[in-house]
PDB file of all heavy atoms in Angstrom:
ATOM      1  N   SER A   1       0.838  -1.189  -0.022  1.00  0.00           N
ATOM      2  CA  SER A   1      -0.008   0.003   0.008  1.00  0.00           C
ATOM      3  C   SER A   1       0.895   1.237   0.001  1.00  0.00           C
ATOM      4  O   SER A   1       2.107   1.167   0.087  1.00  0.00           O
ATOM      5  CB  SER A   1      -0.916  -0.017   1.234  1.00  0.00           C
ATOM      6  OG  SER A   1      -0.112  -0.009   2.419  1.00  0.00           O
ATOM      7  N   GLU A   2       0.266   2.397  -0.091  1.00  0.00           N
ATOM      8  CA  GLU A   2       1.050   3.668  -0.211  1.00  0.00           C
ATOM      9  C   GLU A   2       1.942   3.855   1.025  1.00  0.00           C
ATOM     10  O   GLU A   2       3.046   4.460   0.879  1.00  0.00           O
ATOM     11  CB  GLU A   2       0.117   4.871  -0.343  1.00  0.00           C
ATOM     12  CG  GLU A   2      -0.447   5.017  -1.759  1.00  0.00           C
ATOM     13  CD  GLU A   2       0.702   5.258  -2.775  1.00  0.00           C
ATOM     14  OE1 GLU A   2       1.613   6.002  -2.523  1.00  0.00           O
ATOM     15  OE2 GLU A   2       0.655   4.628  -3.846  1.00  0.00           O
ATOM     16  N   ASP A   3       1.511   3.407   2.216  1.00  0.00           N
ATOM     17  CA  ASP A   3       2.328   3.643   3.380  1.00  0.00           C
ATOM     18  C   ASP A   3       3.403   2.564   3.554  1.00  0.00           C
ATOM     19  O   ASP A   3       4.077   2.564   4.581  1.00  0.00           O
ATOM     20  CB  ASP A   3       1.437   3.740   4.631  1.00  0.00           C
ATOM     21  CG  ASP A   3       0.729   2.430   4.976  1.00  0.00           C
ATOM     22  OD1 ASP A   3       0.889   1.449   4.207  1.00  0.00           O
ATOM     23  OD2 ASP A   3      -0.026   2.413   5.988  1.00  0.00           O
ATOM     24  N   GLY A   4       3.498   1.596   2.635  1.00  0.00           N
ATOM     25  CA  GLY A   4       4.497   0.590   2.688  1.00  0.00           C
ATOM     26  C   GLY A   4       4.054  -0.702   3.292  1.00  0.00           C
ATOM     27  O   GLY A   4       4.814  -1.688   3.393  1.00  0.00           O
ATOM     28  N   THR A   5       2.822  -0.740   3.803  1.00  0.00           N
ATOM     29  CA  THR A   5       2.291  -1.980   4.391  1.00  0.00           C
ATOM     30  C   THR A   5       2.161  -3.007   3.281  1.00  0.00           C
ATOM     31  O   THR A   5       1.541  -2.742   2.203  1.00  0.00           O
ATOM     32  CB  THR A   5       0.956  -1.776   5.080  1.00  0.00           C
ATOM     33  OG1 THR A   5       1.113  -0.805   6.098  1.00  0.00           O
ATOM     34  CG2 THR A   5       0.403  -3.080   5.668  1.00  0.00           C
ATOM     35  N   ILE A   6       2.685  -4.209   3.493  1.00  0.00           N
ATOM     36  CA  ILE A   6       2.546  -5.298   2.542  1.00  0.00           C
ATOM     37  C   ILE A   6       1.275  -6.096   2.760  1.00  0.00           C
ATOM     38  O   ILE A   6       1.011  -6.511   3.929  1.00  0.00           O
ATOM     39  CB  ILE A   6       3.754  -6.225   2.594  1.00  0.00           C
ATOM     40  CG1 ILE A   6       5.063  -5.440   2.331  1.00  0.00           C
ATOM     41  CG2 ILE A   6       3.636  -7.377   1.614  1.00  0.00           C
ATOM     42  CD1 ILE A   6       6.338  -6.217   2.644  1.00  0.00           C
ATOM     43  N   GLU A   7       0.445  -6.201   1.729  1.00  0.00           N
ATOM     44  CA  GLU A   7      -0.829  -6.796   1.866  1.00  0.00           C
ATOM     45  C   GLU A   7      -0.821  -8.211   1.213  1.00  0.00           C
ATOM     46  O   GLU A   7      -0.023  -8.440   0.258  1.00  0.00           O
ATOM     47  CB  GLU A   7      -1.897  -5.997   1.139  1.00  0.00           C
ATOM     48  CG  GLU A   7      -1.998  -4.556   1.593  1.00  0.00           C
ATOM     49  CD  GLU A   7      -2.647  -4.386   2.982  1.00  0.00           C
ATOM     50  OE1 GLU A   7      -3.164  -5.397   3.485  1.00  0.00           O
ATOM     51  OE2 GLU A   7      -2.654  -3.250   3.446  1.00  0.00           O
ATOM     52  N   PRO A   8      -1.658  -9.138   1.654  1.00  0.00           N
ATOM     53  CA  PRO A   8      -1.831 -10.418   0.903  1.00  0.00           C
ATOM     54  C   PRO A   8      -2.277 -10.034  -0.503  1.00  0.00           C
ATOM     55  O   PRO A   8      -3.096  -9.154  -0.685  1.00  0.00           O
ATOM     56  CB  PRO A   8      -2.909 -11.148   1.669  1.00  0.00           C
ATOM     57  CG  PRO A   8      -2.870 -10.482   3.073  1.00  0.00           C
ATOM     58  CD  PRO A   8      -2.471  -9.118   2.859  1.00  0.00           C
ATOM     59  N   TRP A   9      -1.761 -10.759  -1.490  1.00  0.00           N
ATOM     60  CA  TRP A   9      -1.998 -10.321  -2.872  1.00  0.00           C
ATOM     61  C   TRP A   9      -1.890 -11.509  -3.823  1.00  0.00           C
ATOM     62  O   TRP A   9      -1.082 -12.407  -3.622  1.00  0.00           O
ATOM     63  CB  TRP A   9      -0.946  -9.228  -3.219  1.00  0.00           C
ATOM     64  CG  TRP A   9      -1.152  -8.531  -4.549  1.00  0.00           C
ATOM     65  CD1 TRP A   9      -1.862  -7.375  -4.714  1.00  0.00           C
ATOM     66  CD2 TRP A   9      -0.677  -8.900  -5.835  1.00  0.00           C
ATOM     67  NE1 TRP A   9      -1.831  -7.005  -6.042  1.00  0.00           N
ATOM     68  CE2 TRP A   9      -1.096  -7.950  -6.752  1.00  0.00           C
ATOM     69  CE3 TRP A   9       0.078  -9.990  -6.289  1.00  0.00           C
ATOM     70  CZ2 TRP A   9      -0.830  -8.021  -8.123  1.00  0.00           C
ATOM     71  CZ3 TRP A   9       0.397 -10.079  -7.639  1.00  0.00           C
ATOM     72  CH2 TRP A   9      -0.052  -9.076  -8.539  1.00  0.00           C
ATOM     73  N   SER A  10      -2.686 -11.467  -4.881  1.00  0.00           N
ATOM     74  CA  SER A  10      -2.558 -12.457  -5.956  1.00  0.00           C
ATOM     75  C   SER A  10      -3.077 -11.864  -7.204  1.00  0.00           C
ATOM     76  O   SER A  10      -3.956 -10.944  -7.188  1.00  0.00           O
ATOM     77  CB  SER A  10      -3.331 -13.755  -5.670  1.00  0.00           C
ATOM     78  OG  SER A  10      -4.722 -13.525  -5.583  1.00  0.00           O
ATOM     79  N   GLY A  11      -2.522 -12.227  -8.367  1.00  0.00           N
ATOM     80  CA  GLY A  11      -3.006 -11.710  -9.618  1.00  0.00           C
ATOM     81  C   GLY A  11      -1.803 -11.522 -10.584  1.00  0.00           C
ATOM     82  O   GLY A  11      -0.724 -12.114 -10.401  1.00  0.00           O
ATOM     83  N   ALA A  12      -2.026 -10.710 -11.580  1.00  0.00           N
ATOM     84  CA  ALA A  12      -1.020 -10.441 -12.657  1.00  0.00           C
ATOM     85  C   ALA A  12      -0.444  -9.056 -12.404  1.00  0.00           C
ATOM     86  O   ALA A  12      -1.179  -8.089 -12.158  1.00  0.00           O
ATOM     87  CB  ALA A  12      -1.585 -10.574 -14.028  1.00  0.00           C
ATOM     88  N   THR A  13       0.867  -8.962 -12.497  1.00  0.00           N
ATOM     89  CA  THR A  13       1.524  -7.663 -12.338  1.00  0.00           C
ATOM     90  C   THR A  13       2.332  -7.368 -13.552  1.00  0.00           C
ATOM     91  O   THR A  13       3.047  -8.258 -14.097  1.00  0.00           O
ATOM     92  CB  THR A  13       2.414  -7.597 -11.063  1.00  0.00           C
ATOM     93  OG1 THR A  13       3.019  -6.325 -11.035  1.00  0.00           O
ATOM     94  CG2 THR A  13       3.482  -8.656 -11.101  1.00  0.00           C
ATOM     95  N   GLY A  14       2.297  -6.111 -14.004  1.00  0.00           N
ATOM     96  CA  GLY A  14       3.112  -5.640 -15.088  1.00  0.00           C
ATOM     97  C   GLY A  14       3.836  -4.388 -14.634  1.00  0.00           C
ATOM     98  O   GLY A  14       4.172  -3.545 -15.458  1.00  0.00           O
ATOM     99  N   ILE A  15       4.175  -4.362 -13.346  1.00  0.00           N
ATOM    100  CA  ILE A  15       4.812  -3.187 -12.801  1.00  0.00           C
ATOM    101  C   ILE A  15       6.163  -2.925 -13.465  1.00  0.00           C
ATOM    102  O   ILE A  15       6.934  -3.840 -13.684  1.00  0.00           O
ATOM    103  CB  ILE A  15       5.024  -3.327 -11.249  1.00  0.00           C
ATOM    104  CG1 ILE A  15       5.547  -2.019 -10.652  1.00  0.00           C
ATOM    105  CG2 ILE A  15       5.921  -4.515 -10.887  1.00  0.00           C
ATOM    106  CD1 ILE A  15       5.535  -2.052  -9.091  1.00  0.00           C
ATOM    107  N   PHE A  16       6.368  -1.690 -13.853  1.00  0.00           N
ATOM    108  CA  PHE A  16       7.622  -1.285 -14.588  1.00  0.00           C
ATOM    109  C   PHE A  16       8.285  -0.199 -13.739  1.00  0.00           C
ATOM    110  O   PHE A  16       7.743   0.897 -13.608  1.00  0.00           O
ATOM    111  CB  PHE A  16       7.224  -0.778 -15.949  1.00  0.00           C
ATOM    112  CG  PHE A  16       8.361  -0.339 -16.861  1.00  0.00           C
ATOM    113  CD1 PHE A  16       9.594  -0.885 -16.708  1.00  0.00           C
ATOM    114  CD2 PHE A  16       8.156   0.579 -17.859  1.00  0.00           C
ATOM    115  CE1 PHE A  16      10.679  -0.490 -17.539  1.00  0.00           C
ATOM    116  CE2 PHE A  16       9.176   1.029 -18.649  1.00  0.00           C
ATOM    117  CZ  PHE A  16      10.443   0.470 -18.496  1.00  0.00           C
ATOM    118  N   ILE A  17       9.424  -0.543 -13.247  1.00  0.00           N
ATOM    119  CA  ILE A  17      10.111   0.335 -12.269  1.00  0.00           C
ATOM    120  C   ILE A  17      11.265   1.001 -12.923  1.00  0.00           C
ATOM    121  O   ILE A  17      12.216   0.353 -13.413  1.00  0.00           O
ATOM    122  CB  ILE A  17      10.541  -0.408 -11.017  1.00  0.00           C
ATOM    123  CG1 ILE A  17       9.294  -0.980 -10.280  1.00  0.00           C
ATOM    124  CG2 ILE A  17      11.378   0.442 -10.097  1.00  0.00           C
ATOM    125  CD1 ILE A  17       9.639  -1.847  -9.133  1.00  0.00           C
ATOM    126  N   THR A  18      11.314   2.351 -12.945  1.00  0.00           N
ATOM    127  CA  THR A  18      12.369   3.106 -13.552  1.00  0.00           C
ATOM    128  C   THR A  18      12.834   4.184 -12.565  1.00  0.00           C
ATOM    129  O   THR A  18      12.125   4.463 -11.585  1.00  0.00           O
ATOM    130  CB  THR A  18      11.950   3.781 -14.896  1.00  0.00           C
ATOM    131  OG1 THR A  18      10.804   4.617 -14.631  1.00  0.00           O
ATOM    132  CG2 THR A  18      11.523   2.695 -15.885  1.00  0.00           C
ATOM    133  N   PRO A  19      13.940   4.828 -12.780  1.00  0.00           N
ATOM    134  CA  PRO A  19      14.434   5.933 -11.880  1.00  0.00           C
ATOM    135  C   PRO A  19      13.323   6.918 -11.612  1.00  0.00           C
ATOM    136  O   PRO A  19      12.647   7.386 -12.567  1.00  0.00           O
ATOM    137  CB  PRO A  19      15.607   6.492 -12.612  1.00  0.00           C
ATOM    138  CG  PRO A  19      16.222   5.340 -13.342  1.00  0.00           C
ATOM    139  CD  PRO A  19      14.969   4.548 -13.816  1.00  0.00           C
ATOM    140  N   GLY A  20      13.206   7.354 -10.364  1.00  0.00           N
ATOM    141  CA  GLY A  20      12.139   8.232  -9.939  1.00  0.00           C
ATOM    142  C   GLY A  20      11.059   7.531  -9.158  1.00  0.00           C
ATOM    143  O   GLY A  20      10.259   8.153  -8.428  1.00  0.00           O
ATOM    144  N   TYR A  21      11.060   6.174  -9.248  1.00  0.00           N
ATOM    145  CA  TYR A  21      10.091   5.397  -8.481  1.00  0.00           C
ATOM    146  C   TYR A  21      10.426   5.419  -7.018  1.00  0.00           C
ATOM    147  O   TYR A  21      11.603   5.330  -6.628  1.00  0.00           O
ATOM    148  CB  TYR A  21      10.132   3.904  -8.998  1.00  0.00           C
ATOM    149  CG  TYR A  21       9.130   3.021  -8.322  1.00  0.00           C
ATOM    150  CD1 TYR A  21       7.831   2.861  -8.777  1.00  0.00           C
ATOM    151  CD2 TYR A  21       9.559   2.270  -7.204  1.00  0.00           C
ATOM    152  CE1 TYR A  21       6.966   1.999  -8.118  1.00  0.00           C
ATOM    153  CE2 TYR A  21       8.661   1.406  -6.568  1.00  0.00           C
ATOM    154  CZ  TYR A  21       7.380   1.303  -7.007  1.00  0.00           C
ATOM    155  OH  TYR A  21       6.493   0.455  -6.368  1.00  0.00           O
ATOM    156  N   ARG A  22       9.398   5.543  -6.143  1.00  0.00           N
ATOM    157  CA  ARG A  22       9.619   5.515  -4.713  1.00  0.00           C
ATOM    158  C   ARG A  22       9.332   4.121  -4.143  1.00  0.00           C
ATOM    159  O   ARG A  22       8.199   3.641  -4.176  1.00  0.00           O
ATOM    160  CB  ARG A  22       8.703   6.509  -4.024  1.00  0.00           C
ATOM    161  CG  ARG A  22       8.873   6.645  -2.504  1.00  0.00           C
ATOM    162  CD  ARG A  22       7.962   7.678  -1.895  1.00  0.00           C
ATOM    163  NE  ARG A  22       6.503   7.257  -2.052  1.00  0.00           N
ATOM    164  CZ  ARG A  22       5.891   6.494  -1.200  1.00  0.00           C
ATOM    165  NH1 ARG A  22       6.523   5.952  -0.143  1.00  0.00           N
ATOM    166  NH2 ARG A  22       4.624   6.238  -1.393  1.00  0.00           N
ATOM    167  N   PHE A  23      10.388   3.477  -3.715  1.00  0.00           N
ATOM    168  CA  PHE A  23      10.227   2.088  -3.154  1.00  0.00           C
ATOM    169  C   PHE A  23       9.605   2.118  -1.782  1.00  0.00           C
ATOM    170  O   PHE A  23       9.921   2.988  -0.942  1.00  0.00           O
ATOM    171  CB  PHE A  23      11.616   1.407  -3.074  1.00  0.00           C
ATOM    172  CG  PHE A  23      12.152   1.046  -4.479  1.00  0.00           C
ATOM    173  CD1 PHE A  23      12.968   1.916  -5.180  1.00  0.00           C
ATOM    174  CD2 PHE A  23      11.843  -0.158  -5.071  1.00  0.00           C
ATOM    175  CE1 PHE A  23      13.415   1.631  -6.436  1.00  0.00           C
ATOM    176  CE2 PHE A  23      12.317  -0.503  -6.311  1.00  0.00           C
ATOM    177  CZ  PHE A  23      13.143   0.393  -6.991  1.00  0.00           C
ATOM    178  N   ARG A  24       8.739   1.120  -1.544  1.00  0.00           N
ATOM    179  CA  ARG A  24       7.987   1.131  -0.273  1.00  0.00           C
ATOM    180  C   ARG A  24       8.314  -0.103   0.602  1.00  0.00           C
ATOM    181  O   ARG A  24       7.868  -0.156   1.738  1.00  0.00           O
ATOM    182  CB  ARG A  24       6.511   1.122  -0.620  1.00  0.00           C
ATOM    183  CG  ARG A  24       6.027   2.401  -1.286  1.00  0.00           C
ATOM    184  CD  ARG A  24       4.636   2.242  -1.862  1.00  0.00           C
ATOM    185  NE  ARG A  24       4.640   1.334  -2.989  1.00  0.00           N
ATOM    186  CZ  ARG A  24       3.561   1.009  -3.701  1.00  0.00           C
ATOM    187  NH1 ARG A  24       2.360   1.513  -3.381  1.00  0.00           N
ATOM    188  NH2 ARG A  24       3.623   0.207  -4.710  1.00  0.00           N
ATOM    189  N   THR A  25       9.100  -1.030   0.081  1.00  0.00           N
ATOM    190  CA  THR A  25       9.263  -2.295   0.815  1.00  0.00           C
ATOM    191  C   THR A  25      10.702  -2.612   1.154  1.00  0.00           C
ATOM    192  O   THR A  25      11.112  -2.584   2.277  1.00  0.00           O
ATOM    193  CB  THR A  25       8.618  -3.458   0.058  1.00  0.00           C
ATOM    194  OG1 THR A  25       9.204  -3.529  -1.258  1.00  0.00           O
ATOM    195  CG2 THR A  25       7.111  -3.246  -0.099  1.00  0.00           C
ATOM    196  N   ALA A  26      11.503  -2.973   0.127  1.00  0.00           N
ATOM    197  CA  ALA A  26      12.825  -3.506   0.355  1.00  0.00           C
ATOM    198  C   ALA A  26      13.849  -2.438   0.765  1.00  0.00           C
ATOM    199  O   ALA A  26      13.844  -1.335   0.204  1.00  0.00           O
ATOM    200  CB  ALA A  26      13.300  -4.265  -0.843  1.00  0.00           C
ATOM    201  N   ASP A  27      14.749  -2.868   1.638  1.00  0.00           N
ATOM    202  CA  ASP A  27      15.890  -1.990   2.004  1.00  0.00           C
ATOM    203  C   ASP A  27      17.134  -2.370   1.198  1.00  0.00           C
ATOM    204  O   ASP A  27      18.015  -1.549   0.993  1.00  0.00           O
ATOM    205  CB  ASP A  27      16.216  -2.141   3.515  1.00  0.00           C
ATOM    206  CG  ASP A  27      14.992  -1.792   4.366  1.00  0.00           C
ATOM    207  OD1 ASP A  27      14.725  -0.596   4.514  1.00  0.00           O
ATOM    208  OD2 ASP A  27      14.360  -2.723   4.910  1.00  0.00           O
ATOM    209  N   MET A  28      17.242  -3.648   0.784  1.00  0.00           N
ATOM    210  CA  MET A  28      18.387  -4.155   0.082  1.00  0.00           C
ATOM    211  C   MET A  28      17.890  -5.116  -0.997  1.00  0.00           C
ATOM    212  O   MET A  28      16.779  -5.681  -0.899  1.00  0.00           O
ATOM    213  CB  MET A  28      19.360  -4.833   1.031  1.00  0.00           C
ATOM    214  CG  MET A  28      19.891  -3.928   2.124  1.00  0.00           C
ATOM    215  SD  MET A  28      20.580  -4.861   3.550  1.00  0.00           S
ATOM    216  CE  MET A  28      22.074  -5.480   2.829  1.00  0.00           C
ATOM    217  N   LEU A  29      18.747  -5.329  -1.980  1.00  0.00           N
ATOM    218  CA  LEU A  29      18.419  -6.189  -3.129  1.00  0.00           C
ATOM    219  C   LEU A  29      19.622  -7.013  -3.531  1.00  0.00           C
ATOM    220  O   LEU A  29      20.688  -6.432  -3.754  1.00  0.00           O
ATOM    221  CB  LEU A  29      17.923  -5.360  -4.299  1.00  0.00           C
ATOM    222  CG  LEU A  29      17.677  -6.053  -5.659  1.00  0.00           C
ATOM    223  CD1 LEU A  29      16.548  -7.064  -5.508  1.00  0.00           C
ATOM    224  CD2 LEU A  29      17.401  -5.044  -6.747  1.00  0.00           C
ATOM    225  N   ILE A  30      19.428  -8.337  -3.586  1.00  0.00           N
ATOM    226  CA  ILE A  30      20.459  -9.183  -4.127  1.00  0.00           C
ATOM    227  C   ILE A  30      20.015  -9.559  -5.552  1.00  0.00           C
ATOM    228  O   ILE A  30      18.917 -10.092  -5.783  1.00  0.00           O
ATOM    229  CB  ILE A  30      20.617 -10.471  -3.284  1.00  0.00           C
ATOM    230  CG1 ILE A  30      21.039 -10.145  -1.833  1.00  0.00           C
ATOM    231  CG2 ILE A  30      21.634 -11.426  -3.932  1.00  0.00           C
ATOM    232  CD1 ILE A  30      20.960 -11.319  -0.865  1.00  0.00           C
ATOM    233  N   THR A  31      20.914  -9.298  -6.561  1.00  0.00           N
ATOM    234  CA  THR A  31      20.491  -9.547  -7.905  1.00  0.00           C
ATOM    235  C   THR A  31      21.715  -9.745  -8.782  1.00  0.00           C
ATOM    236  O   THR A  31      22.849  -9.337  -8.423  1.00  0.00           O
ATOM    237  CB  THR A  31      19.692  -8.358  -8.484  1.00  0.00           C
ATOM    238  OG1 THR A  31      19.240  -8.602  -9.774  1.00  0.00           O
ATOM    239  CG2 THR A  31      20.502  -7.059  -8.451  1.00  0.00           C
ATOM    240  N   ASN A  32      21.545 -10.477  -9.849  1.00  0.00           N
ATOM    241  CA  ASN A  32      22.651 -10.705 -10.813  1.00  0.00           C
ATOM    242  C   ASN A  32      22.858  -9.432 -11.651  1.00  0.00           C
ATOM    243  O   ASN A  32      22.163  -8.460 -11.486  1.00  0.00           O
ATOM    244  CB  ASN A  32      22.356 -11.895 -11.670  1.00  0.00           C
ATOM    245  CG  ASN A  32      22.576 -13.224 -10.939  1.00  0.00           C
ATOM    246  OD1 ASN A  32      22.620 -13.278  -9.722  1.00  0.00           O
ATOM    247  ND2 ASN A  32      22.666 -14.316 -11.668  1.00  0.00           N
ATOM    248  N   PHE A  33      23.819  -9.485 -12.591  1.00  0.00           N
ATOM    249  CA  PHE A  33      24.069  -8.385 -13.469  1.00  0.00           C
ATOM    250  C   PHE A  33      23.262  -8.545 -14.706  1.00  0.00           C
ATOM    251  O   PHE A  33      23.218  -9.626 -15.349  1.00  0.00           O
ATOM    252  CB  PHE A  33      25.578  -8.335 -13.804  1.00  0.00           C
ATOM    253  CG  PHE A  33      26.469  -8.019 -12.605  1.00  0.00           C
ATOM    254  CD1 PHE A  33      26.978  -9.011 -11.782  1.00  0.00           C
ATOM    255  CD2 PHE A  33      26.677  -6.696 -12.242  1.00  0.00           C
ATOM    256  CE1 PHE A  33      27.750  -8.737 -10.678  1.00  0.00           C
ATOM    257  CE2 PHE A  33      27.425  -6.350 -11.101  1.00  0.00           C
ATOM    258  CZ  PHE A  33      27.946  -7.388 -10.361  1.00  0.00           C
ATOM    259  N   HIS A  34      22.640  -7.438 -15.153  1.00  0.00           N
ATOM    260  CA  HIS A  34      21.609  -7.490 -16.189  1.00  0.00           C
ATOM    261  C   HIS A  34      22.072  -6.936 -17.488  1.00  0.00           C
ATOM    262  O   HIS A  34      23.096  -6.289 -17.597  1.00  0.00           O
ATOM    263  CB  HIS A  34      20.379  -6.747 -15.682  1.00  0.00           C
ATOM    264  CG  HIS A  34      19.850  -7.280 -14.405  1.00  0.00           C
ATOM    265  ND1 HIS A  34      19.317  -8.526 -14.278  1.00  0.00           N
ATOM    266  CD2 HIS A  34      19.821  -6.692 -13.173  1.00  0.00           C
ATOM    267  CE1 HIS A  34      19.008  -8.764 -12.975  1.00  0.00           C
ATOM    268  NE2 HIS A  34      19.306  -7.632 -12.270  1.00  0.00           N
ATOM    269  N   LEU A  35      21.253  -7.173 -18.549  1.00  0.00           N
ATOM    270  CA  LEU A  35      21.581  -6.744 -19.890  1.00  0.00           C
ATOM    271  C   LEU A  35      21.519  -5.264 -20.024  1.00  0.00           C
ATOM    272  O   LEU A  35      20.684  -4.590 -19.359  1.00  0.00           O
ATOM    273  CB  LEU A  35      20.618  -7.353 -20.908  1.00  0.00           C
ATOM    274  CG  LEU A  35      20.845  -8.831 -21.342  1.00  0.00           C
ATOM    275  CD1 LEU A  35      20.363  -9.771 -20.264  1.00  0.00           C
ATOM    276  CD2 LEU A  35      20.093  -9.128 -22.618  1.00  0.00           C
ATOM    277  N   PRO A  36      22.312  -4.640 -20.913  1.00  0.00           N
ATOM    278  CA  PRO A  36      22.152  -3.213 -21.214  1.00  0.00           C
ATOM    279  C   PRO A  36      20.781  -2.892 -21.813  1.00  0.00           C
ATOM    280  O   PRO A  36      20.200  -3.747 -22.506  1.00  0.00           O
ATOM    281  CB  PRO A  36      23.290  -2.964 -22.195  1.00  0.00           C
ATOM    282  CG  PRO A  36      23.616  -4.274 -22.786  1.00  0.00           C
ATOM    283  CD  PRO A  36      23.413  -5.236 -21.715  1.00  0.00           C
ATOM    284  N   LYS A  37      20.231  -1.757 -21.464  1.00  0.00           N
ATOM    285  CA  LYS A  37      18.939  -1.229 -21.955  1.00  0.00           C
ATOM    286  C   LYS A  37      17.808  -2.189 -21.618  1.00  0.00           C
ATOM    287  O   LYS A  37      16.789  -2.148 -22.276  1.00  0.00           O
ATOM    288  CB  LYS A  37      19.028  -1.012 -23.479  1.00  0.00           C
ATOM    289  CG  LYS A  37      19.975   0.105 -23.883  1.00  0.00           C
ATOM    290  CD  LYS A  37      19.786   0.602 -25.268  1.00  0.00           C
ATOM    291  CE  LYS A  37      20.069  -0.371 -26.335  1.00  0.00           C
ATOM    292  NZ  LYS A  37      19.987   0.196 -27.694  1.00  0.00           N
ATOM    293  N   SER A  38      17.975  -2.987 -20.575  1.00  0.00           N
ATOM    294  CA  SER A  38      16.905  -3.918 -20.141  1.00  0.00           C
ATOM    295  C   SER A  38      16.085  -3.309 -19.067  1.00  0.00           C
ATOM    296  O   SER A  38      16.504  -2.384 -18.361  1.00  0.00           O
ATOM    297  CB  SER A  38      17.495  -5.243 -19.655  1.00  0.00           C
ATOM    298  OG  SER A  38      18.277  -5.044 -18.485  1.00  0.00           O
ATOM    299  N   THR A  39      14.845  -3.798 -18.900  1.00  0.00           N
ATOM    300  CA  THR A  39      13.965  -3.298 -17.829  1.00  0.00           C
ATOM    301  C   THR A  39      14.569  -3.595 -16.477  1.00  0.00           C
ATOM    302  O   THR A  39      14.284  -2.855 -15.505  1.00  0.00           O
ATOM    303  CB  THR A  39      12.608  -3.929 -17.911  1.00  0.00           C
ATOM    304  OG1 THR A  39      12.649  -5.328 -17.783  1.00  0.00           O
ATOM    305  CG2 THR A  39      11.924  -3.537 -19.231  1.00  0.00           C
ATOM    306  N   LEU A  40      15.369  -4.650 -16.350  1.00  0.00           N
ATOM    307  CA  LEU A  40      15.967  -4.957 -15.046  1.00  0.00           C
ATOM    308  C   LEU A  40      17.142  -4.073 -14.678  1.00  0.00           C
ATOM    309  O   LEU A  40      17.307  -3.712 -13.520  1.00  0.00           O
ATOM    310  CB  LEU A  40      16.441  -6.466 -15.075  1.00  0.00           C
ATOM    311  CG  LEU A  40      15.283  -7.476 -15.295  1.00  0.00           C
ATOM    312  CD1 LEU A  40      15.852  -8.872 -15.203  1.00  0.00           C
ATOM    313  CD2 LEU A  40      14.196  -7.268 -14.282  1.00  0.00           C
ATOM    314  N   PHE A  41      17.902  -3.639 -15.667  1.00  0.00           N
ATOM    315  CA  PHE A  41      18.943  -2.603 -15.381  1.00  0.00           C
ATOM    316  C   PHE A  41      18.271  -1.295 -15.009  1.00  0.00           C
ATOM    317  O   PHE A  41      18.795  -0.549 -14.160  1.00  0.00           O
ATOM    318  CB  PHE A  41      19.897  -2.448 -16.566  1.00  0.00           C
ATOM    319  CG  PHE A  41      21.022  -1.528 -16.286  1.00  0.00           C
ATOM    320  CD1 PHE A  41      21.934  -1.777 -15.240  1.00  0.00           C
ATOM    321  CD2 PHE A  41      21.191  -0.346 -16.963  1.00  0.00           C
ATOM    322  CE1 PHE A  41      22.941  -0.907 -14.933  1.00  0.00           C
ATOM    323  CE2 PHE A  41      22.245   0.526 -16.707  1.00  0.00           C
ATOM    324  CZ  PHE A  41      23.118   0.230 -15.673  1.00  0.00           C
TER     325      PHE A  41
END
């Protein structure tokens, strides 16, 4: 939710996160190295 509370959830997500997005949940992220110009980078 907007205040960062994590709710039970199910469904389809197409969330697209780019610079300027305000994260509400995670403090740290473990991830591999991604492709150039990819949505993950």
